[in-house]
């Protein structure tokens, strides 16, 4: 029995050694995973040291026949400005556009509703059998285990639509830009109350008004690739559990914005 156990352990070590994603995770190196859809794709760059994920999403033309998943993943990484090389980038080909919201809902909710987990496990382990990924079975297991520890607050979401304009980096290093507050909750006076709270903390609140539509969930937006304003805004609103969505292509005089949804607890402002 001891010999069998030792053989099993050695086999697991060997399997891990020949599984590049698992090897990178153990070494604490970043792992890039491209989710490739027909007309839109997403790149997830997982940083095991900080347990954070930079998620870059991009719309694109219909993929030409014959282009490999690996080639598409490399091109996506370049568009996102990721330093990923051919050795440490992996891909999963999807039949539809990557649904980041569905992923975050699953990560946020499977502990409270364990029934969410089995379908996710079945989907992950069906990928290799269908030839939709260049990840090994062991790598799929390792990445799934890592991601199951995360929630939406571990993600920074960025929509890729253009390169940052010249001078943007310098602008981000200057004084903190202003912020915008939008009330999408349907509760009267919430934007004004939040603006008062933020101004007391030293924020330059440029806009405090109603949002065109009612929104169920509160969101934090960043309007530049720099995250300082959005991170400070998120912390000051007591919303550390939320992901930040980067909209660098969206024109705004502000550096960040909060859209207060119906789930926002006004007690956070006291």
C-alpha atoms as a PDB file:
ATOM      1  CA  UNK A   1       0.000   0.000   0.000  1.00  0.00           C
ATOM      2  CA  UNK A   2       2.874   2.362   0.835  1.00  0.00           C
ATOM      3  CA  UNK A   3       4.472   1.628  -2.530  1.00  0.00           C
ATOM      4  CA  UNK A   4       1.192   2.306  -4.296  1.00  0.00           C
ATOM      5  CA  UNK A   5       0.796   5.592  -2.460  1.00  0.00           C
ATOM      6  CA  UNK A   6       4.337   6.622  -3.324  1.00  0.00           C
ATOM      7  CA  UNK A   7       3.797   5.721  -6.970  1.00  0.00           C
ATOM      8  CA  UNK A   8       0.603   7.763  -7.026  1.00  0.00           C
ATOM      9  CA  UNK A   9       2.381  10.749  -5.482  1.00  0.00           C
ATOM     10  CA  UNK A  10       5.213  10.523  -7.997  1.00  0.00           C
ATOM     11  CA  UNK A  11       2.710  10.291 -10.836  1.00  0.00           C
ATOM     12  CA  UNK A  12       0.952  13.430  -9.572  1.00  0.00           C
ATOM     13  CA  UNK A  13       4.276  15.299  -9.387  1.00  0.00           C
ATOM     14  CA  UNK A  14       5.164  14.197 -12.910  1.00  0.00           C
ATOM     15  CA  UNK A  15       1.737  15.184 -14.215  1.00  0.00           C
ATOM     16  CA  UNK A  16       2.129  18.570 -12.557  1.00  0.00           C
ATOM     17  CA  UNK A  17       5.591  19.026 -14.054  1.00  0.00           C
ATOM     18  CA  UNK A  18       4.329  18.390 -17.571  1.00  0.00           C
ATOM     19  CA  UNK A  19       1.332  20.721 -17.084  1.00  0.00           C
ATOM     20  CA  UNK A  20       2.653  24.233 -17.826  1.00  0.00           C
ATOM     21  CA  UNK A  21      -0.201  26.221 -16.235  1.00  0.00           C
ATOM     22  CA  UNK A  22       0.069  24.262 -12.988  1.00  0.00           C
ATOM     23  CA  UNK A  23       3.821  24.700 -13.025  1.00  0.00           C
ATOM     24  CA  UNK A  24       3.411  28.479 -13.396  1.00  0.00           C
ATOM     25  CA  UNK A  25       0.878  28.631 -10.555  1.00  0.00           C
ATOM     26  CA  UNK A  26       3.199  26.785  -8.179  1.00  0.00           C
ATOM     27  CA  UNK A  27       6.027  29.174  -9.090  1.00  0.00           C
ATOM     28  CA  UNK A  28       3.732  32.157  -8.452  1.00  0.00           C
ATOM     29  CA  UNK A  29       3.857  33.306 -12.081  1.00  0.00           C
ATOM     30  CA  UNK A  30       0.930  34.908 -13.898  1.00  0.00           C
ATOM     31  CA  UNK A  31      -1.265  32.699 -16.065  1.00  0.00           C
ATOM     32  CA  UNK A  32      -3.168  34.109 -19.059  1.00  0.00           C
ATOM     33  CA  UNK A  33      -6.340  32.405 -20.246  1.00  0.00           C
ATOM     34  CA  UNK A  34      -8.089  33.575 -23.442  1.00  0.00           C
ATOM     35  CA  UNK A  35     -11.830  32.910 -23.747  1.00  0.00           C
ATOM     36  CA  UNK A  36     -12.360  32.963 -27.504  1.00  0.00           C
ATOM     37  CA  UNK A  37     -15.812  33.701 -28.906  1.00  0.00           C
ATOM     38  CA  UNK A  38     -16.873  34.112 -32.518  1.00  0.00           C
ATOM     39  CA  UNK A  39     -17.220  37.918 -32.436  1.00  0.00           C
ATOM     40  CA  UNK A  40     -15.925  38.835 -28.976  1.00  0.00           C
ATOM     41  CA  UNK A  41     -13.285  37.402 -26.672  1.00  0.00           C
ATOM     42  CA  UNK A  42     -11.833  37.947 -23.212  1.00  0.00           C
ATOM     43  CA  UNK A  43      -8.382  37.571 -21.723  1.00  0.00           C
ATOM     44  CA  UNK A  44      -8.099  36.631 -18.045  1.00  0.00           C
ATOM     45  CA  UNK A  45      -4.677  37.329 -16.533  1.00  0.00           C
ATOM     46  CA  UNK A  46      -4.530  35.640 -13.143  1.00  0.00           C
ATOM     47  CA  UNK A  47      -1.976  36.901 -10.614  1.00  0.00           C
ATOM     48  CA  UNK A  48      -1.629  34.112  -8.012  1.00  0.00           C
ATOM     49  CA  UNK A  49       0.421  36.248  -5.642  1.00  0.00           C
ATOM     50  CA  UNK A  50      -2.382  38.790  -5.151  1.00  0.00           C
ATOM     51  CA  UNK A  51      -5.317  36.526  -6.119  1.00  0.00           C
ATOM     52  CA  UNK A  52      -6.494  39.110  -8.633  1.00  0.00           C
ATOM     53  CA  UNK A  53      -7.616  38.781 -12.240  1.00  0.00           C
ATOM     54  CA  UNK A  54      -7.283  41.412 -14.947  1.00  0.00           C
ATOM     55  CA  UNK A  55     -10.106  40.630 -17.377  1.00  0.00           C
ATOM     56  CA  UNK A  56      -9.867  42.285 -20.798  1.00  0.00           C
ATOM     57  CA  UNK A  57     -12.847  41.982 -23.152  1.00  0.00           C
ATOM     58  CA  UNK A  58     -12.844  42.930 -26.824  1.00  0.00           C
ATOM     59  CA  UNK A  59     -15.307  42.816 -29.706  1.00  0.00           C
ATOM     60  CA  UNK A  60     -13.868  41.847 -33.090  1.00  0.00           C
ATOM     61  CA  UNK A  61     -14.761  40.777 -36.612  1.00  0.00           C
ATOM     62  CA  UNK A  62     -15.850  37.230 -37.336  1.00  0.00           C
ATOM     63  CA  UNK A  63     -12.843  34.946 -37.085  1.00  0.00           C
ATOM     64  CA  UNK A  64     -11.428  33.731 -40.398  1.00  0.00           C
ATOM     65  CA  UNK A  65     -11.360  29.955 -40.937  1.00  0.00           C
ATOM     66  CA  UNK A  66      -8.041  28.278 -40.225  1.00  0.00           C
ATOM     67  CA  UNK A  67      -6.791  30.674 -37.528  1.00  0.00           C
ATOM     68  CA  UNK A  68      -5.678  28.608 -34.531  1.00  0.00           C
ATOM     69  CA  UNK A  69      -6.875  29.231 -31.002  1.00  0.00           C
ATOM     70  CA  UNK A  70      -3.288  29.737 -29.892  1.00  0.00           C
ATOM     71  CA  UNK A  71      -2.712  32.430 -32.536  1.00  0.00           C
ATOM     72  CA  UNK A  72      -5.919  34.200 -31.548  1.00  0.00           C
ATOM     73  CA  UNK A  73      -4.913  34.077 -27.888  1.00  0.00           C
ATOM     74  CA  UNK A  74      -1.531  35.651 -28.655  1.00  0.00           C
ATOM     75  CA  UNK A  75      -3.159  38.433 -30.712  1.00  0.00           C
ATOM     76  CA  UNK A  76      -5.657  39.099 -27.914  1.00  0.00           C
ATOM     77  CA  UNK A  77      -2.847  39.352 -25.358  1.00  0.00           C
ATOM     78  CA  UNK A  78      -1.042  41.876 -27.564  1.00  0.00           C
ATOM     79  CA  UNK A  79      -4.209  43.972 -27.930  1.00  0.00           C
ATOM     80  CA  UNK A  80      -4.593  43.957 -24.140  1.00  0.00           C
ATOM     81  CA  UNK A  81      -0.993  45.004 -23.639  1.00  0.00           C
ATOM     82  CA  UNK A  82      -0.280  41.794 -21.737  1.00  0.00           C
ATOM     83  CA  UNK A  83       3.306  40.518 -21.681  1.00  0.00           C
ATOM     84  CA  UNK A  84       2.083  36.934 -22.150  1.00  0.00           C
ATOM     85  CA  UNK A  85       4.257  34.801 -24.403  1.00  0.00           C
ATOM     86  CA  UNK A  86       3.466  31.627 -26.279  1.00  0.00           C
ATOM     87  CA  UNK A  87       4.659  29.533 -23.347  1.00  0.00           C
ATOM     88  CA  UNK A  88       2.278  30.832 -20.709  1.00  0.00           C
ATOM     89  CA  UNK A  89      -0.923  31.687 -22.560  1.00  0.00           C
ATOM     90  CA  UNK A  90      -3.795  29.259 -22.819  1.00  0.00           C
ATOM     91  CA  UNK A  91      -7.159  29.367 -24.502  1.00  0.00           C
ATOM     92  CA  UNK A  92     -10.679  28.018 -24.420  1.00  0.00           C
ATOM     93  CA  UNK A  93     -12.763  28.242 -27.594  1.00  0.00           C
ATOM     94  CA  UNK A  94     -16.403  29.087 -26.892  1.00  0.00           C
ATOM     95  CA  UNK A  95     -19.492  28.661 -29.030  1.00  0.00           C
ATOM     96  CA  UNK A  96     -20.721  32.137 -28.025  1.00  0.00           C
ATOM     97  CA  UNK A  97     -19.374  35.366 -26.554  1.00  0.00           C
ATOM     98  CA  UNK A  98     -17.672  35.077 -23.128  1.00  0.00           C
ATOM     99  CA  UNK A  99     -20.223  35.894 -20.427  1.00  0.00           C
ATOM    100  CA  UNK A 100     -18.244  37.584 -17.656  1.00  0.00           C
ATOM    101  CA  UNK A 101     -21.387  38.423 -15.698  1.00  0.00           C
ATOM    102  CA  UNK A 102     -22.358  34.737 -15.598  1.00  0.00           C
ATOM    103  CA  UNK A 103     -18.850  33.830 -14.408  1.00  0.00           C
ATOM    104  CA  UNK A 104     -18.937  36.414 -11.621  1.00  0.00           C
ATOM    105  CA  UNK A 105     -22.435  35.374 -10.528  1.00  0.00           C
ATOM    106  CA  UNK A 106     -21.236  31.773 -10.247  1.00  0.00           C
ATOM    107  CA  UNK A 107     -18.114  32.756  -8.297  1.00  0.00           C
ATOM    108  CA  UNK A 108     -20.153  34.963  -5.961  1.00  0.00           C
ATOM    109  CA  UNK A 109     -22.957  32.480  -5.429  1.00  0.00           C
ATOM    110  CA  UNK A 110     -21.761  28.890  -5.525  1.00  0.00           C
ATOM    111  CA  UNK A 111     -20.851  28.776  -1.821  1.00  0.00           C
ATOM    112  CA  UNK A 112     -24.365  29.878  -0.865  1.00  0.00           C
ATOM    113  CA  UNK A 113     -25.884  27.690  -3.588  1.00  0.00           C
ATOM    114  CA  UNK A 114     -23.626  24.624  -4.076  1.00  0.00           C
ATOM    115  CA  UNK A 115     -25.903  23.409  -6.871  1.00  0.00           C
ATOM    116  CA  UNK A 116     -24.199  25.998  -9.112  1.00  0.00           C
ATOM    117  CA  UNK A 117     -20.913  24.094  -8.900  1.00  0.00           C
ATOM    118  CA  UNK A 118     -21.605  20.702 -10.581  1.00  0.00           C
ATOM    119  CA  UNK A 119     -22.651  22.242 -13.943  1.00  0.00           C
ATOM    120  CA  UNK A 120     -19.513  24.372 -13.901  1.00  0.00           C
ATOM    121  CA  UNK A 121     -17.335  21.338 -13.161  1.00  0.00           C
ATOM    122  CA  UNK A 122     -19.001  19.333 -15.930  1.00  0.00           C
ATOM    123  CA  UNK A 123     -18.456  22.169 -18.405  1.00  0.00           C
ATOM    124  CA  UNK A 124     -14.776  22.544 -17.491  1.00  0.00           C
ATOM    125  CA  UNK A 125     -14.011  18.852 -17.868  1.00  0.00           C
ATOM    126  CA  UNK A 126     -15.891  18.642 -21.143  1.00  0.00           C
ATOM    127  CA  UNK A 127     -13.541  21.191 -22.711  1.00  0.00           C
ATOM    128  CA  UNK A 128     -10.599  18.855 -23.156  1.00  0.00           C
ATOM    129  CA  UNK A 129     -12.726  16.095 -24.615  1.00  0.00           C
ATOM    130  CA  UNK A 130     -14.130  18.466 -27.232  1.00  0.00           C
ATOM    131  CA  UNK A 131     -10.710  19.837 -28.201  1.00  0.00           C
ATOM    132  CA  UNK A 132     -11.734  23.362 -27.234  1.00  0.00           C
ATOM    133  CA  UNK A 133      -8.635  24.115 -25.144  1.00  0.00           C
ATOM    134  CA  UNK A 134      -4.875  23.625 -25.030  1.00  0.00           C
ATOM    135  CA  UNK A 135      -4.997  23.096 -21.260  1.00  0.00           C
ATOM    136  CA  UNK A 136      -4.282  19.634 -19.921  1.00  0.00           C
ATOM    137  CA  UNK A 137      -6.717  17.895 -17.588  1.00  0.00           C
ATOM    138  CA  UNK A 138      -4.424  18.662 -14.653  1.00  0.00           C
ATOM    139  CA  UNK A 139      -4.163  22.322 -15.683  1.00  0.00           C
ATOM    140  CA  UNK A 140      -7.955  22.546 -15.938  1.00  0.00           C
ATOM    141  CA  UNK A 141      -8.220  21.110 -12.437  1.00  0.00           C
ATOM    142  CA  UNK A 142      -5.581  23.540 -11.090  1.00  0.00           C
ATOM    143  CA  UNK A 143      -7.130  26.638 -12.664  1.00  0.00           C
ATOM    144  CA  UNK A 144     -10.643  25.646 -11.651  1.00  0.00           C
ATOM    145  CA  UNK A 145      -9.441  25.175  -8.067  1.00  0.00           C
ATOM    146  CA  UNK A 146      -7.765  28.601  -8.077  1.00  0.00           C
ATOM    147  CA  UNK A 147     -10.760  30.427  -9.555  1.00  0.00           C
ATOM    148  CA  UNK A 148     -13.196  28.769  -7.155  1.00  0.00           C
ATOM    149  CA  UNK A 149     -11.468  30.706  -4.342  1.00  0.00           C
ATOM    150  CA  UNK A 150     -12.270  34.046  -5.988  1.00  0.00           C
ATOM    151  CA  UNK A 151     -15.261  36.374  -6.136  1.00  0.00           C
ATOM    152  CA  UNK A 152     -16.134  39.361  -8.300  1.00  0.00           C
ATOM    153  CA  UNK A 153     -14.090  41.667  -6.058  1.00  0.00           C
ATOM    154  CA  UNK A 154     -10.926  39.911  -7.276  1.00  0.00           C
ATOM    155  CA  UNK A 155     -11.605  41.000 -10.876  1.00  0.00           C
ATOM    156  CA  UNK A 156     -10.655  44.209 -12.675  1.00  0.00           C
ATOM    157  CA  UNK A 157     -12.666  44.395 -15.909  1.00  0.00           C
ATOM    158  CA  UNK A 158     -11.390  46.334 -18.904  1.00  0.00           C
ATOM    159  CA  UNK A 159     -13.066  46.792 -22.279  1.00  0.00           C
ATOM    160  CA  UNK A 160     -10.488  47.051 -25.078  1.00  0.00           C
ATOM    161  CA  UNK A 161     -11.561  49.362 -27.859  1.00  0.00           C
ATOM    162  CA  UNK A 162      -8.659  51.696 -28.463  1.00  0.00           C
ATOM    163  CA  UNK A 163      -5.120  52.409 -27.353  1.00  0.00           C
ATOM    164  CA  UNK A 164      -4.720  54.910 -24.535  1.00  0.00           C
ATOM    165  CA  UNK A 165      -4.112  58.383 -26.001  1.00  0.00           C
ATOM    166  CA  UNK A 166      -0.689  59.943 -25.698  1.00  0.00           C
ATOM    167  CA  UNK A 167      -0.219  61.670 -22.363  1.00  0.00           C
ATOM    168  CA  UNK A 168      -2.856  59.620 -20.514  1.00  0.00           C
ATOM    169  CA  UNK A 169      -0.297  57.959 -18.248  1.00  0.00           C
ATOM    170  CA  UNK A 170       1.128  61.339 -17.270  1.00  0.00           C
ATOM    171  CA  UNK A 171      -2.356  62.671 -16.576  1.00  0.00           C
ATOM    172  CA  UNK A 172      -3.064  59.753 -14.264  1.00  0.00           C
ATOM    173  CA  UNK A 173       0.031  60.537 -12.200  1.00  0.00           C
ATOM    174  CA  UNK A 174      -1.198  64.091 -11.465  1.00  0.00           C
ATOM    175  CA  UNK A 175      -3.933  65.174  -9.054  1.00  0.00           C
ATOM    176  CA  UNK A 176      -6.721  62.672  -8.526  1.00  0.00           C
ATOM    177  CA  UNK A 177      -9.520  63.318 -11.082  1.00  0.00           C
ATOM    178  CA  UNK A 178     -13.089  64.009 -10.120  1.00  0.00           C
ATOM    179  CA  UNK A 179     -15.815  61.388  -9.759  1.00  0.00           C
ATOM    180  CA  UNK A 180     -19.425  61.035 -10.843  1.00  0.00           C
ATOM    181  CA  UNK A 181     -22.362  59.664  -8.842  1.00  0.00           C
ATOM    182  CA  UNK A 182     -25.466  58.243 -10.505  1.00  0.00           C
ATOM    183  CA  UNK A 183     -28.624  57.150  -8.734  1.00  0.00           C
ATOM    184  CA  UNK A 184     -30.051  54.078 -10.489  1.00  0.00           C
ATOM    185  CA  UNK A 185     -31.878  52.786  -7.415  1.00  0.00           C
ATOM    186  CA  UNK A 186     -35.166  54.645  -7.778  1.00  0.00           C
ATOM    187  CA  UNK A 187     -34.744  56.097  -4.262  1.00  0.00           C
ATOM    188  CA  UNK A 188     -35.086  59.879  -4.190  1.00  0.00           C
ATOM    189  CA  UNK A 189     -32.063  61.909  -3.085  1.00  0.00           C
ATOM    190  CA  UNK A 190     -29.554  59.042  -3.022  1.00  0.00           C
ATOM    191  CA  UNK A 191     -27.107  60.669  -5.475  1.00  0.00           C
ATOM    192  CA  UNK A 192     -27.074  63.893  -3.439  1.00  0.00           C
ATOM    193  CA  UNK A 193     -26.533  61.963  -0.214  1.00  0.00           C
ATOM    194  CA  UNK A 194     -23.654  59.974  -1.713  1.00  0.00           C
ATOM    195  CA  UNK A 195     -22.121  63.150  -3.168  1.00  0.00           C
ATOM    196  CA  UNK A 196     -22.209  64.828   0.264  1.00  0.00           C
ATOM    197  CA  UNK A 197     -20.507  61.769   1.766  1.00  0.00           C
ATOM    198  CA  UNK A 198     -17.755  61.804  -0.883  1.00  0.00           C
ATOM    199  CA  UNK A 199     -17.144  65.548  -0.736  1.00  0.00           C
ATOM    200  CA  UNK A 200     -16.655  65.261   3.017  1.00  0.00           C
ATOM    201  CA  UNK A 201     -13.893  62.758   2.238  1.00  0.00           C
ATOM    202  CA  UNK A 202     -12.160  65.158  -0.145  1.00  0.00           C
ATOM    203  CA  UNK A 203     -13.547  63.993  -3.498  1.00  0.00           C
ATOM    204  CA  UNK A 204     -14.303  66.424  -6.309  1.00  0.00           C
ATOM    205  CA  UNK A 205     -17.804  65.254  -7.229  1.00  0.00           C
ATOM    206  CA  UNK A 206     -18.412  66.549 -10.749  1.00  0.00           C
ATOM    207  CA  UNK A 207     -21.821  64.969 -11.303  1.00  0.00           C
ATOM    208  CA  UNK A 208     -24.537  63.793  -8.902  1.00  0.00           C
ATOM    209  CA  UNK A 209     -27.713  62.927 -10.737  1.00  0.00           C
ATOM    210  CA  UNK A 210     -30.209  60.224 -11.666  1.00  0.00           C
ATOM    211  CA  UNK A 211     -29.279  57.407 -14.030  1.00  0.00           C
ATOM    212  CA  UNK A 212     -31.435  56.937 -17.157  1.00  0.00           C
ATOM    213  CA  UNK A 213     -32.522  53.438 -16.102  1.00  0.00           C
ATOM    214  CA  UNK A 214     -33.090  51.487 -12.908  1.00  0.00           C
ATOM    215  CA  UNK A 215     -30.269  49.054 -12.175  1.00  0.00           C
ATOM    216  CA  UNK A 216     -30.411  46.098  -9.838  1.00  0.00           C
ATOM    217  CA  UNK A 217     -26.699  46.058  -9.046  1.00  0.00           C
ATOM    218  CA  UNK A 218     -24.295  48.814  -8.016  1.00  0.00           C
ATOM    219  CA  UNK A 219     -21.258  49.301 -10.254  1.00  0.00           C
ATOM    220  CA  UNK A 220     -17.897  51.067 -10.075  1.00  0.00           C
ATOM    221  CA  UNK A 221     -16.478  52.390 -13.357  1.00  0.00           C
ATOM    222  CA  UNK A 222     -12.992  53.648 -14.175  1.00  0.00           C
ATOM    223  CA  UNK A 223     -12.559  55.893 -17.211  1.00  0.00           C
ATOM    224  CA  UNK A 224      -8.823  55.395 -17.599  1.00  0.00           C
ATOM    225  CA  UNK A 225      -6.379  52.506 -17.384  1.00  0.00           C
ATOM    226  CA  UNK A 226      -5.136  53.943 -14.097  1.00  0.00           C
ATOM    227  CA  UNK A 227      -7.066  52.543 -11.150  1.00  0.00           C
ATOM    228  CA  UNK A 228      -6.261  55.024  -8.346  1.00  0.00           C
ATOM    229  CA  UNK A 229      -9.493  57.046  -8.526  1.00  0.00           C
ATOM    230  CA  UNK A 230     -11.736  53.996  -8.909  1.00  0.00           C
ATOM    231  CA  UNK A 231     -10.024  52.121  -6.083  1.00  0.00           C
ATOM    232  CA  UNK A 232     -10.316  55.106  -3.735  1.00  0.00           C
ATOM    233  CA  UNK A 233     -13.961  55.637  -4.726  1.00  0.00           C
ATOM    234  CA  UNK A 234     -14.779  51.962  -4.148  1.00  0.00           C
ATOM    235  CA  UNK A 235     -13.137  51.991  -0.710  1.00  0.00           C
ATOM    236  CA  UNK A 236     -14.814  55.256   0.333  1.00  0.00           C
ATOM    237  CA  UNK A 237     -18.257  53.893  -0.584  1.00  0.00           C
ATOM    238  CA  UNK A 238     -17.630  50.672   1.350  1.00  0.00           C
ATOM    239  CA  UNK A 239     -17.920  48.636  -1.849  1.00  0.00           C
ATOM    240  CA  UNK A 240     -14.693  46.634  -1.711  1.00  0.00           C
ATOM    241  CA  UNK A 241     -16.575  43.479  -2.709  1.00  0.00           C
ATOM    242  CA  UNK A 242     -17.330  44.874  -6.187  1.00  0.00           C
ATOM    243  CA  UNK A 243     -15.250  44.466  -9.316  1.00  0.00           C
ATOM    244  CA  UNK A 244     -14.091  47.577 -11.161  1.00  0.00           C
ATOM    245  CA  UNK A 245     -15.070  47.921 -14.813  1.00  0.00           C
ATOM    246  CA  UNK A 246     -12.590  49.923 -16.889  1.00  0.00           C
ATOM    247  CA  UNK A 247     -14.110  51.984 -19.720  1.00  0.00           C
ATOM    248  CA  UNK A 248     -11.063  53.861 -21.041  1.00  0.00           C
ATOM    249  CA  UNK A 249     -12.813  54.354 -24.394  1.00  0.00           C
ATOM    250  CA  UNK A 250     -15.780  56.140 -22.776  1.00  0.00           C
ATOM    251  CA  UNK A 251     -15.279  59.905 -22.779  1.00  0.00           C
ATOM    252  CA  UNK A 252     -15.720  61.484 -19.362  1.00  0.00           C
ATOM    253  CA  UNK A 253     -14.293  64.451 -17.500  1.00  0.00           C
ATOM    254  CA  UNK A 254     -14.232  62.233 -14.411  1.00  0.00           C
ATOM    255  CA  UNK A 255     -11.720  59.546 -13.528  1.00  0.00           C
ATOM    256  CA  UNK A 256     -14.306  57.180 -12.047  1.00  0.00           C
ATOM    257  CA  UNK A 257     -18.009  56.838 -11.357  1.00  0.00           C
ATOM    258  CA  UNK A 258     -20.354  54.911  -9.104  1.00  0.00           C
ATOM    259  CA  UNK A 259     -23.777  53.796 -10.324  1.00  0.00           C
ATOM    260  CA  UNK A 260     -25.902  53.170  -7.242  1.00  0.00           C
ATOM    261  CA  UNK A 261     -28.230  50.260  -7.875  1.00  0.00           C
ATOM    262  CA  UNK A 262     -31.223  48.933  -5.993  1.00  0.00           C
ATOM    263  CA  UNK A 263     -28.911  46.717  -3.915  1.00  0.00           C
ATOM    264  CA  UNK A 264     -26.994  49.682  -2.452  1.00  0.00           C
ATOM    265  CA  UNK A 265     -27.184  49.933   1.333  1.00  0.00           C
ATOM    266  CA  UNK A 266     -27.557  53.585   2.329  1.00  0.00           C
ATOM    267  CA  UNK A 267     -26.064  52.666   5.706  1.00  0.00           C
ATOM    268  CA  UNK A 268     -22.655  52.657   4.012  1.00  0.00           C
ATOM    269  CA  UNK A 269     -22.878  56.457   3.824  1.00  0.00           C
ATOM    270  CA  UNK A 270     -23.122  56.976   7.564  1.00  0.00           C
END
